[in-house]
N, C-alpha and C. Protein backbone atom coordinates (compact mmCIF):
# COMPACT_ATOMS: atom_id res chain seq x y z
N MET A 1 -31.87 56.04 21.84
CA MET A 1 -30.56 55.75 21.29
C MET A 1 -30.69 55.61 19.77
N ALA A 2 -29.92 56.37 19.05
CA ALA A 2 -29.97 56.35 17.58
C ALA A 2 -29.31 55.09 17.04
N ILE A 3 -29.90 54.52 16.03
CA ILE A 3 -29.32 53.33 15.39
C ILE A 3 -28.19 53.78 14.48
N GLN A 4 -27.03 53.20 14.66
CA GLN A 4 -25.86 53.51 13.86
C GLN A 4 -25.98 52.81 12.50
N PRO A 5 -25.55 53.48 11.44
CA PRO A 5 -25.57 52.81 10.14
C PRO A 5 -24.56 51.66 10.14
N CYS A 6 -24.86 50.64 9.39
CA CYS A 6 -23.97 49.48 9.30
C CYS A 6 -22.99 49.71 8.14
N LEU A 7 -21.75 50.00 8.48
CA LEU A 7 -20.73 50.21 7.46
C LEU A 7 -20.47 48.93 6.67
N THR A 8 -20.61 47.79 7.33
CA THR A 8 -20.42 46.51 6.64
C THR A 8 -21.46 46.36 5.53
N CYS A 9 -22.69 46.77 5.80
CA CYS A 9 -23.74 46.70 4.76
C CYS A 9 -23.45 47.69 3.64
N GLU A 10 -22.92 48.85 3.97
CA GLU A 10 -22.56 49.83 2.94
C GLU A 10 -21.47 49.27 2.03
N LEU A 11 -20.48 48.60 2.61
CA LEU A 11 -19.43 47.98 1.80
C LEU A 11 -20.00 46.86 0.93
N ALA A 12 -20.98 46.13 1.46
CA ALA A 12 -21.63 45.07 0.68
C ALA A 12 -22.34 45.64 -0.54
N LYS A 13 -22.98 46.80 -0.38
CA LYS A 13 -23.66 47.44 -1.51
C LYS A 13 -22.64 47.77 -2.61
N ARG A 14 -21.48 48.25 -2.21
CA ARG A 14 -20.42 48.57 -3.18
C ARG A 14 -19.99 47.31 -3.93
N ARG A 15 -19.88 46.21 -3.21
CA ARG A 15 -19.51 44.93 -3.87
C ARG A 15 -20.58 44.51 -4.86
N GLU A 16 -21.84 44.59 -4.45
CA GLU A 16 -22.94 44.15 -5.30
C GLU A 16 -23.06 45.02 -6.55
N MET A 17 -22.69 46.28 -6.46
CA MET A 17 -22.76 47.18 -7.62
C MET A 17 -21.53 47.05 -8.51
N GLY A 18 -20.55 46.23 -8.11
CA GLY A 18 -19.36 46.04 -8.91
C GLY A 18 -18.36 47.17 -8.76
N ASN A 19 -18.44 47.94 -7.67
CA ASN A 19 -17.56 49.07 -7.46
C ASN A 19 -16.46 48.82 -6.43
N ALA A 20 -16.26 47.59 -6.04
CA ALA A 20 -15.26 47.27 -5.02
C ALA A 20 -13.95 46.84 -5.69
N PRO A 21 -12.82 47.22 -5.11
CA PRO A 21 -11.54 46.73 -5.63
C PRO A 21 -11.42 45.23 -5.38
N LEU A 22 -10.50 44.59 -6.06
CA LEU A 22 -10.33 43.14 -5.93
C LEU A 22 -10.17 42.71 -4.49
N TRP A 23 -9.33 43.40 -3.72
CA TRP A 23 -9.09 42.99 -2.33
C TRP A 23 -10.37 43.00 -1.49
N ASP A 24 -11.37 43.78 -1.90
CA ASP A 24 -12.62 43.88 -1.16
C ASP A 24 -13.74 43.07 -1.82
N ASN A 25 -13.38 42.24 -2.76
CA ASN A 25 -14.38 41.42 -3.44
C ASN A 25 -13.68 40.19 -4.00
N ILE A 26 -12.97 39.49 -3.14
CA ILE A 26 -12.14 38.37 -3.58
C ILE A 26 -12.99 37.22 -4.09
N TYR A 27 -14.00 36.87 -3.32
CA TYR A 27 -14.77 35.66 -3.62
C TYR A 27 -16.12 35.80 -2.94
N ARG A 28 -17.14 35.22 -3.54
CA ARG A 28 -18.44 35.22 -2.89
C ARG A 28 -19.13 33.89 -3.13
N THR A 29 -19.92 33.53 -2.15
CA THR A 29 -20.76 32.35 -2.25
C THR A 29 -22.20 32.83 -2.15
N GLN A 30 -23.11 31.93 -2.06
CA GLN A 30 -24.52 32.32 -1.94
C GLN A 30 -24.74 33.19 -0.70
N HIS A 31 -24.00 32.89 0.39
CA HIS A 31 -24.27 33.56 1.66
C HIS A 31 -23.12 34.40 2.22
N TRP A 32 -21.92 34.31 1.63
CA TRP A 32 -20.74 34.92 2.24
C TRP A 32 -19.86 35.63 1.21
N TYR A 33 -19.16 36.67 1.69
CA TYR A 33 -18.10 37.34 0.94
C TYR A 33 -16.77 37.00 1.59
N VAL A 34 -15.71 36.96 0.79
CA VAL A 34 -14.34 36.87 1.31
C VAL A 34 -13.62 38.13 0.85
N VAL A 35 -13.02 38.85 1.81
CA VAL A 35 -12.31 40.10 1.52
C VAL A 35 -10.99 40.11 2.30
N HIS A 36 -10.09 40.99 1.90
CA HIS A 36 -8.86 41.22 2.67
C HIS A 36 -9.15 42.38 3.61
N SER A 37 -8.73 42.28 4.85
CA SER A 37 -8.92 43.38 5.79
C SER A 37 -8.21 44.63 5.27
N TYR A 38 -8.87 45.77 5.38
CA TYR A 38 -8.33 47.02 4.83
C TYR A 38 -7.44 47.77 5.81
N ASN A 39 -7.43 47.40 7.06
CA ASN A 39 -6.69 48.20 8.04
C ASN A 39 -5.71 47.35 8.86
N THR A 40 -4.98 46.50 8.16
CA THR A 40 -4.08 45.59 8.84
C THR A 40 -2.65 45.72 8.33
N ALA A 41 -1.72 45.38 9.21
CA ALA A 41 -0.31 45.33 8.85
C ALA A 41 0.12 43.90 8.53
N LEU A 42 -0.83 42.97 8.52
CA LEU A 42 -0.52 41.56 8.29
C LEU A 42 -1.09 41.11 6.95
N ALA A 43 -0.21 40.79 6.03
CA ALA A 43 -0.63 40.34 4.69
C ALA A 43 -1.41 39.04 4.79
N GLY A 44 -2.55 39.00 4.14
CA GLY A 44 -3.37 37.80 4.12
C GLY A 44 -4.44 37.76 5.19
N TRP A 45 -4.62 38.84 5.95
CA TRP A 45 -5.68 38.87 6.97
C TRP A 45 -7.00 38.97 6.22
N LEU A 46 -7.71 37.85 6.15
CA LEU A 46 -8.97 37.79 5.40
C LEU A 46 -10.16 37.87 6.33
N VAL A 47 -11.28 38.28 5.78
CA VAL A 47 -12.52 38.39 6.53
C VAL A 47 -13.62 37.73 5.70
N ILE A 48 -14.40 36.88 6.34
CA ILE A 48 -15.56 36.25 5.72
C ILE A 48 -16.79 36.94 6.31
N ILE A 49 -17.60 37.54 5.44
CA ILE A 49 -18.70 38.40 5.87
C ILE A 49 -20.02 37.84 5.37
N CYS A 50 -20.99 37.78 6.26
CA CYS A 50 -22.33 37.34 5.86
C CYS A 50 -22.91 38.35 4.87
N ARG A 51 -23.51 37.87 3.80
CA ARG A 51 -24.05 38.76 2.76
C ARG A 51 -25.31 39.47 3.21
N ARG A 52 -26.02 38.92 4.17
CA ARG A 52 -27.19 39.62 4.71
C ARG A 52 -26.84 40.11 6.11
N HIS A 53 -27.53 41.13 6.54
CA HIS A 53 -27.23 41.69 7.85
C HIS A 53 -27.77 40.80 8.96
N ILE A 54 -26.86 40.27 9.74
CA ILE A 54 -27.21 39.59 10.98
C ILE A 54 -26.21 40.06 12.03
N ALA A 55 -26.66 40.16 13.27
CA ALA A 55 -25.80 40.69 14.33
C ALA A 55 -25.18 39.60 15.19
N GLY A 56 -25.68 38.37 15.08
CA GLY A 56 -25.15 37.28 15.91
C GLY A 56 -25.18 35.96 15.18
N ILE A 57 -24.30 35.08 15.58
CA ILE A 57 -24.19 33.75 14.96
C ILE A 57 -25.52 32.99 15.06
N ASP A 58 -26.23 33.18 16.16
CA ASP A 58 -27.50 32.48 16.35
C ASP A 58 -28.55 32.88 15.32
N GLU A 59 -28.32 33.95 14.58
CA GLU A 59 -29.25 34.39 13.54
C GLU A 59 -28.99 33.74 12.19
N MET A 60 -27.90 32.97 12.08
CA MET A 60 -27.59 32.30 10.82
C MET A 60 -28.63 31.23 10.52
N THR A 61 -28.89 31.04 9.24
CA THR A 61 -29.72 29.91 8.82
C THR A 61 -28.83 28.67 8.79
N GLU A 62 -29.45 27.52 8.71
CA GLU A 62 -28.67 26.28 8.58
C GLU A 62 -27.82 26.31 7.32
N ALA A 63 -28.38 26.81 6.22
CA ALA A 63 -27.63 26.87 4.96
C ALA A 63 -26.41 27.79 5.10
N GLU A 64 -26.57 28.93 5.77
CA GLU A 64 -25.43 29.83 5.99
C GLU A 64 -24.36 29.16 6.84
N ALA A 65 -24.78 28.43 7.87
CA ALA A 65 -23.84 27.77 8.77
C ALA A 65 -23.06 26.67 8.04
N VAL A 66 -23.76 25.87 7.27
CA VAL A 66 -23.09 24.79 6.52
C VAL A 66 -22.09 25.38 5.53
N GLU A 67 -22.52 26.38 4.79
CA GLU A 67 -21.63 26.99 3.81
C GLU A 67 -20.43 27.65 4.50
N LEU A 68 -20.65 28.26 5.66
CA LEU A 68 -19.56 28.89 6.40
C LEU A 68 -18.51 27.86 6.80
N GLY A 69 -18.92 26.71 7.29
CA GLY A 69 -17.96 25.69 7.70
C GLY A 69 -17.04 25.28 6.57
N THR A 70 -17.62 25.03 5.42
CA THR A 70 -16.82 24.66 4.25
C THR A 70 -15.91 25.81 3.84
N LEU A 71 -16.44 27.02 3.84
CA LEU A 71 -15.67 28.18 3.42
C LEU A 71 -14.51 28.47 4.37
N LEU A 72 -14.73 28.35 5.67
CA LEU A 72 -13.64 28.56 6.63
C LEU A 72 -12.48 27.61 6.36
N ARG A 73 -12.80 26.37 6.10
CA ARG A 73 -11.75 25.39 5.80
C ARG A 73 -11.04 25.74 4.50
N ARG A 74 -11.79 26.05 3.47
CA ARG A 74 -11.18 26.36 2.17
C ARG A 74 -10.31 27.63 2.24
N VAL A 75 -10.78 28.63 2.94
CA VAL A 75 -9.99 29.86 3.08
C VAL A 75 -8.71 29.57 3.87
N SER A 76 -8.79 28.75 4.90
CA SER A 76 -7.60 28.40 5.68
C SER A 76 -6.59 27.62 4.84
N VAL A 77 -7.06 26.65 4.07
CA VAL A 77 -6.18 25.90 3.18
C VAL A 77 -5.52 26.85 2.18
N THR A 78 -6.32 27.74 1.63
CA THR A 78 -5.82 28.70 0.64
C THR A 78 -4.77 29.62 1.24
N LEU A 79 -5.03 30.15 2.43
CA LEU A 79 -4.05 31.04 3.07
C LEU A 79 -2.73 30.33 3.32
N ARG A 80 -2.79 29.08 3.75
CA ARG A 80 -1.55 28.33 3.99
C ARG A 80 -0.73 28.24 2.71
N ASN A 81 -1.39 28.09 1.59
CA ASN A 81 -0.70 28.00 0.31
C ASN A 81 -0.23 29.36 -0.20
N VAL A 82 -1.02 30.39 -0.02
CA VAL A 82 -0.71 31.70 -0.60
C VAL A 82 0.34 32.45 0.23
N VAL A 83 0.18 32.50 1.54
CA VAL A 83 1.13 33.27 2.36
C VAL A 83 2.08 32.37 3.16
N ASN A 84 1.94 31.07 3.00
CA ASN A 84 2.82 30.11 3.66
C ASN A 84 2.79 30.24 5.18
N CYS A 85 1.60 30.41 5.72
CA CYS A 85 1.48 30.52 7.17
C CYS A 85 1.50 29.12 7.79
N GLU A 86 1.80 29.09 9.06
CA GLU A 86 1.86 27.82 9.80
C GLU A 86 0.46 27.31 10.13
N LYS A 87 -0.44 28.24 10.42
CA LYS A 87 -1.83 27.91 10.75
C LYS A 87 -2.66 29.16 10.58
N THR A 88 -3.96 29.05 10.76
CA THR A 88 -4.82 30.23 10.75
C THR A 88 -5.57 30.31 12.07
N TYR A 89 -5.82 31.54 12.47
CA TYR A 89 -6.70 31.81 13.60
C TYR A 89 -8.04 32.25 13.02
N VAL A 90 -9.12 31.94 13.73
CA VAL A 90 -10.44 32.40 13.33
C VAL A 90 -11.09 33.08 14.53
N ALA A 91 -11.63 34.28 14.31
CA ALA A 91 -12.27 35.03 15.39
C ALA A 91 -13.52 35.72 14.85
N GLN A 92 -14.52 35.86 15.73
CA GLN A 92 -15.75 36.55 15.37
C GLN A 92 -16.23 37.33 16.59
N PHE A 93 -16.38 38.65 16.43
CA PHE A 93 -16.88 39.48 17.51
C PHE A 93 -18.05 40.35 17.06
N ALA A 94 -17.93 41.01 15.91
CA ALA A 94 -18.94 41.93 15.38
C ALA A 94 -19.28 43.02 16.40
N GLU A 95 -18.24 43.62 16.97
CA GLU A 95 -18.42 44.64 18.00
C GLU A 95 -17.87 46.01 17.61
N ALA A 96 -17.06 46.09 16.56
CA ALA A 96 -16.47 47.38 16.19
C ALA A 96 -17.56 48.35 15.74
N GLN A 97 -17.39 49.61 16.07
CA GLN A 97 -18.38 50.62 15.68
C GLN A 97 -18.64 50.57 14.18
N GLY A 98 -19.90 50.46 13.82
CA GLY A 98 -20.30 50.41 12.42
C GLY A 98 -20.21 49.03 11.81
N HIS A 99 -19.71 48.06 12.56
CA HIS A 99 -19.54 46.71 12.02
C HIS A 99 -20.21 45.66 12.92
N HIS A 100 -21.43 45.97 13.38
CA HIS A 100 -22.21 45.02 14.18
C HIS A 100 -22.94 44.09 13.20
N HIS A 101 -22.17 43.37 12.45
CA HIS A 101 -22.63 42.55 11.34
C HIS A 101 -21.71 41.32 11.35
N VAL A 102 -22.28 40.13 11.38
CA VAL A 102 -21.46 38.93 11.54
C VAL A 102 -20.39 38.84 10.46
N HIS A 103 -19.16 38.71 10.92
CA HIS A 103 -18.01 38.51 10.04
C HIS A 103 -16.94 37.75 10.83
N PHE A 104 -16.19 36.94 10.13
CA PHE A 104 -15.16 36.10 10.73
C PHE A 104 -13.80 36.51 10.21
N HIS A 105 -12.88 36.78 11.12
CA HIS A 105 -11.50 37.07 10.75
C HIS A 105 -10.78 35.73 10.58
N VAL A 106 -10.13 35.55 9.45
CA VAL A 106 -9.30 34.37 9.20
C VAL A 106 -7.89 34.92 9.05
N ILE A 107 -7.09 34.67 10.07
CA ILE A 107 -5.82 35.38 10.23
C ILE A 107 -4.65 34.41 10.08
N PRO A 108 -3.73 34.71 9.18
CA PRO A 108 -2.56 33.83 9.05
C PRO A 108 -1.61 34.00 10.23
N ARG A 109 -1.22 32.89 10.83
CA ARG A 109 -0.22 32.93 11.90
C ARG A 109 1.05 32.35 11.29
N MET A 110 2.02 33.23 11.10
CA MET A 110 3.26 32.86 10.43
C MET A 110 4.17 32.06 11.35
N ALA A 111 5.05 31.25 10.77
CA ALA A 111 6.00 30.46 11.55
C ALA A 111 6.93 31.35 12.36
N ASP A 112 7.29 32.51 11.81
CA ASP A 112 8.21 33.42 12.49
C ASP A 112 7.47 34.54 13.24
N GLN A 113 6.21 34.32 13.56
CA GLN A 113 5.42 35.33 14.28
C GLN A 113 6.08 35.61 15.63
N PRO A 114 6.32 36.86 15.95
CA PRO A 114 6.90 37.17 17.27
C PRO A 114 5.98 36.69 18.38
N PRO A 115 6.53 36.16 19.45
CA PRO A 115 5.69 35.65 20.55
C PRO A 115 4.70 36.68 21.09
N GLU A 116 5.09 37.96 21.07
CA GLU A 116 4.19 39.00 21.59
C GLU A 116 3.06 39.34 20.62
N ARG A 117 3.03 38.67 19.47
CA ARG A 117 1.96 38.88 18.48
C ARG A 117 1.22 37.58 18.16
N LYS A 118 1.31 36.60 19.05
CA LYS A 118 0.59 35.34 18.87
C LYS A 118 -0.69 35.36 19.70
N GLY A 119 -1.59 34.44 19.38
CA GLY A 119 -2.85 34.36 20.11
C GLY A 119 -3.64 35.65 19.94
N PRO A 120 -4.39 36.05 20.98
CA PRO A 120 -5.21 37.26 20.87
C PRO A 120 -4.40 38.52 20.55
N ALA A 121 -3.11 38.53 20.87
CA ALA A 121 -2.27 39.70 20.60
C ALA A 121 -2.07 39.93 19.10
N ILE A 122 -2.47 38.98 18.28
CA ILE A 122 -2.36 39.17 16.84
C ILE A 122 -3.22 40.35 16.40
N PHE A 123 -4.23 40.69 17.21
CA PHE A 123 -5.10 41.82 16.87
C PHE A 123 -4.36 43.15 16.94
N ASN A 124 -3.12 43.16 17.43
CA ASN A 124 -2.32 44.39 17.39
C ASN A 124 -1.93 44.74 15.95
N TYR A 125 -2.10 43.80 15.02
CA TYR A 125 -1.86 44.08 13.60
C TYR A 125 -3.06 44.74 12.93
N LEU A 126 -4.18 44.83 13.62
CA LEU A 126 -5.42 45.37 13.05
C LEU A 126 -5.67 46.78 13.58
N GLY A 127 -6.23 47.62 12.74
CA GLY A 127 -6.53 48.98 13.14
C GLY A 127 -5.30 49.85 13.27
N VAL A 128 -4.28 49.52 12.49
CA VAL A 128 -3.01 50.26 12.55
C VAL A 128 -3.10 51.53 11.71
N PRO A 129 -2.21 52.50 11.98
CA PRO A 129 -2.19 53.73 11.17
C PRO A 129 -1.94 53.40 9.70
N GLU A 130 -2.42 54.26 8.83
CA GLU A 130 -2.35 54.03 7.39
C GLU A 130 -0.94 53.70 6.91
N GLY A 131 0.07 54.34 7.43
CA GLY A 131 1.44 54.12 7.01
C GLY A 131 1.98 52.73 7.33
N GLU A 132 1.31 52.01 8.23
CA GLU A 132 1.73 50.65 8.61
C GLU A 132 0.93 49.56 7.89
N ARG A 133 -0.10 49.96 7.18
CA ARG A 133 -1.00 48.98 6.56
C ARG A 133 -0.39 48.35 5.31
N ILE A 134 -0.86 47.16 5.01
CA ILE A 134 -0.51 46.48 3.76
C ILE A 134 -1.01 47.37 2.62
N SER A 135 -0.20 47.53 1.60
CA SER A 135 -0.60 48.39 0.48
C SER A 135 -1.74 47.74 -0.31
N GLU A 136 -2.49 48.57 -0.99
CA GLU A 136 -3.57 48.07 -1.83
C GLU A 136 -3.03 47.16 -2.93
N VAL A 137 -1.88 47.48 -3.45
CA VAL A 137 -1.25 46.64 -4.49
C VAL A 137 -0.98 45.25 -3.93
N HIS A 138 -0.41 45.18 -2.73
CA HIS A 138 -0.10 43.88 -2.12
C HIS A 138 -1.39 43.13 -1.78
N MET A 139 -2.40 43.84 -1.27
CA MET A 139 -3.68 43.18 -0.98
C MET A 139 -4.28 42.60 -2.26
N ASN A 140 -4.19 43.33 -3.36
CA ASN A 140 -4.73 42.84 -4.63
C ASN A 140 -3.96 41.63 -5.15
N GLU A 141 -2.64 41.61 -4.94
CA GLU A 141 -1.84 40.44 -5.34
C GLU A 141 -2.28 39.21 -4.57
N ILE A 142 -2.45 39.35 -3.27
CA ILE A 142 -2.92 38.24 -2.44
C ILE A 142 -4.33 37.85 -2.86
N ALA A 143 -5.18 38.84 -3.07
CA ALA A 143 -6.58 38.59 -3.45
C ALA A 143 -6.67 37.78 -4.74
N ALA A 144 -5.83 38.11 -5.72
CA ALA A 144 -5.85 37.38 -7.00
C ALA A 144 -5.49 35.92 -6.79
N GLN A 145 -4.49 35.67 -5.98
CA GLN A 145 -4.08 34.28 -5.71
C GLN A 145 -5.15 33.53 -4.93
N VAL A 146 -5.72 34.19 -3.94
CA VAL A 146 -6.78 33.56 -3.13
C VAL A 146 -7.98 33.25 -4.01
N ARG A 147 -8.40 34.20 -4.84
CA ARG A 147 -9.55 33.98 -5.72
C ARG A 147 -9.29 32.79 -6.65
N TYR A 148 -8.13 32.77 -7.28
CA TYR A 148 -7.78 31.70 -8.21
C TYR A 148 -7.89 30.33 -7.52
N ARG A 149 -7.36 30.23 -6.32
CA ARG A 149 -7.39 28.94 -5.61
C ARG A 149 -8.79 28.58 -5.13
N LEU A 150 -9.55 29.56 -4.64
CA LEU A 150 -10.90 29.25 -4.18
C LEU A 150 -11.80 28.85 -5.34
N VAL A 151 -11.68 29.52 -6.46
CA VAL A 151 -12.47 29.13 -7.63
C VAL A 151 -12.09 27.71 -8.05
N GLY A 152 -10.82 27.39 -8.01
CA GLY A 152 -10.37 26.04 -8.35
C GLY A 152 -10.93 24.98 -7.42
N MET A 153 -11.14 25.33 -6.16
CA MET A 153 -11.68 24.38 -5.18
C MET A 153 -13.15 24.07 -5.42
N GLU A 154 -13.84 24.93 -6.16
CA GLU A 154 -15.27 24.71 -6.40
C GLU A 154 -15.53 23.39 -7.09
N THR A 155 -14.58 22.93 -7.88
CA THR A 155 -14.80 21.71 -8.65
C THR A 155 -13.99 20.52 -8.14
N GLU A 156 -13.14 20.75 -7.14
CA GLU A 156 -12.32 19.66 -6.62
C GLU A 156 -13.05 18.95 -5.49
N PRO A 157 -13.19 17.61 -5.58
CA PRO A 157 -13.89 16.89 -4.52
C PRO A 157 -13.11 16.87 -3.20
N ASN A 158 -11.79 16.82 -3.26
CA ASN A 158 -10.97 16.77 -2.06
C ASN A 158 -9.86 17.79 -2.16
N GLU A 159 -10.04 18.96 -1.52
CA GLU A 159 -8.99 19.97 -1.56
C GLU A 159 -7.93 19.59 -0.54
N THR A 160 -6.70 19.70 -0.92
CA THR A 160 -5.61 19.44 0.01
C THR A 160 -4.56 20.52 -0.15
N ARG A 161 -3.73 20.63 0.86
CA ARG A 161 -2.65 21.62 0.81
C ARG A 161 -1.57 21.08 -0.10
N SER A 162 -1.19 21.92 -1.07
CA SER A 162 -0.11 21.49 -1.95
C SER A 162 1.23 21.79 -1.31
N SER A 163 2.21 21.02 -1.68
CA SER A 163 3.55 21.19 -1.09
C SER A 163 4.30 22.30 -1.75
């Protein structure tokens, strides 16, 4: 069985070389990247990606796990402020072809979300045809706001949701 190339690692190389658009390089920590999903119809669908290639959560180091916990919370707080969602969903599968690389979907669940698009059905917003996807301009607008808020949280001892 041939080993498939890791597209997630290829995208990481683009980020490291400074060739990624803002939406694909919103924020980075020592161990994680924050990006906007490129194939979604839902504005603010963010992805937290491990900077090194690992295929399962059990492969994380303690430092990666601790940093992830803090980052998941900060990204969720930020999304509530930026897109005014009611809550966020978090999911991790790393099963899509070419993306067998640990990454966490942080998905805004809007107050007016149709019932048929809540819970696991929210994934119907992912992998949509190009004409249904959030535009790159809109992703960059969200990315700029998310980056600004996450950078601001680096120095705040107690981040809270602003009204």
